[in-house]
């Protein structure tokens, strides 16, 4: 999971990203749309990254 480009998909992946303080990028349709930041809070529907909440259904998240 620490590998750059690793897709974060499951609740366990998101929990680990928060626990490890990993930097996540936001992707849509195979393109980087936001450089993201440090994962802070994980809920079933969204994840907070650098103080902003992003819906998991709207993006693909990858480790930076």
Protein backbone atom coordinates (compact mmCIF):
# COMPACT_ATOMS: atom_id res chain seq x y z
CA UNK A 1 0.00 0.00 0.00
CA UNK A 2 2.92 2.38 0.46
CA UNK A 3 3.80 2.17 -3.22
CA UNK A 4 3.27 5.26 -5.36
CA UNK A 5 0.26 4.81 -7.62
CA UNK A 6 -1.35 2.14 -5.40
CA UNK A 7 -5.15 2.44 -5.74
CA UNK A 8 -6.97 2.96 -2.45
CA UNK A 9 -10.33 1.17 -2.76
CA UNK A 10 -11.44 -0.73 0.33
CA UNK A 11 -12.35 0.60 3.76
CA UNK A 12 -9.22 -1.10 5.09
CA UNK A 13 -7.11 0.74 2.47
CA UNK A 14 -8.63 4.08 3.51
CA UNK A 15 -8.19 3.30 7.21
CA UNK A 16 -4.54 2.44 6.61
CA UNK A 17 -4.00 5.63 4.62
CA UNK A 18 -5.35 7.68 7.53
CA UNK A 19 -3.41 5.70 10.13
CA UNK A 20 -0.16 6.04 8.16
CA UNK A 21 -0.80 9.68 7.23
CA UNK A 22 -0.38 8.94 3.55
CA UNK A 23 -0.61 11.47 0.76
CA UNK A 24 -3.48 10.60 -1.60
CA UNK A 25 -4.14 11.91 -5.10
CA UNK A 26 -7.60 12.18 -6.69
CA UNK A 27 -8.18 10.74 -10.16
CA UNK A 28 -11.15 10.62 -12.56
CA UNK A 29 -11.32 8.72 -15.84
CA UNK A 30 -7.63 7.90 -15.68
CA UNK A 31 -6.53 11.52 -15.22
CA UNK A 32 -5.14 13.28 -12.16
CA UNK A 33 -7.70 15.93 -11.18
CA UNK A 34 -6.35 17.03 -7.80
CA UNK A 35 -2.97 16.62 -6.15
CA UNK A 36 -4.79 15.78 -2.90
CA UNK A 37 -2.88 15.72 0.36
CA UNK A 38 -2.64 13.88 3.66
CA UNK A 39 -5.52 11.54 4.52
CA UNK A 40 -7.06 12.67 7.82
CA UNK A 41 -10.49 11.05 8.42
CA UNK A 42 -12.22 8.09 6.81
CA UNK A 43 -15.99 7.49 6.82
CA UNK A 44 -18.04 4.99 4.80
CA UNK A 45 -18.95 7.64 2.17
CA UNK A 46 -16.14 10.20 2.17
CA UNK A 47 -12.56 10.85 3.18
CA UNK A 48 -11.13 14.09 4.51
CA UNK A 49 -7.87 15.14 2.91
CA UNK A 50 -6.17 18.36 4.06
CA UNK A 51 -9.40 19.60 5.64
CA UNK A 52 -11.67 18.95 2.61
CA UNK A 53 -14.11 16.05 2.27
CA UNK A 54 -14.19 14.05 -0.96
CA UNK A 55 -16.88 11.50 -1.82
CA UNK A 56 -15.37 8.10 -2.50
CA UNK A 57 -17.88 7.45 -5.28
CA UNK A 58 -16.73 10.53 -7.23
CA UNK A 59 -12.99 9.81 -7.41
CA UNK A 60 -10.35 7.14 -7.62
CA UNK A 61 -7.76 7.63 -4.89
CA UNK A 62 -4.12 6.67 -5.30
CA UNK A 63 -1.10 6.85 -3.02
CA UNK A 64 1.30 9.60 -4.02
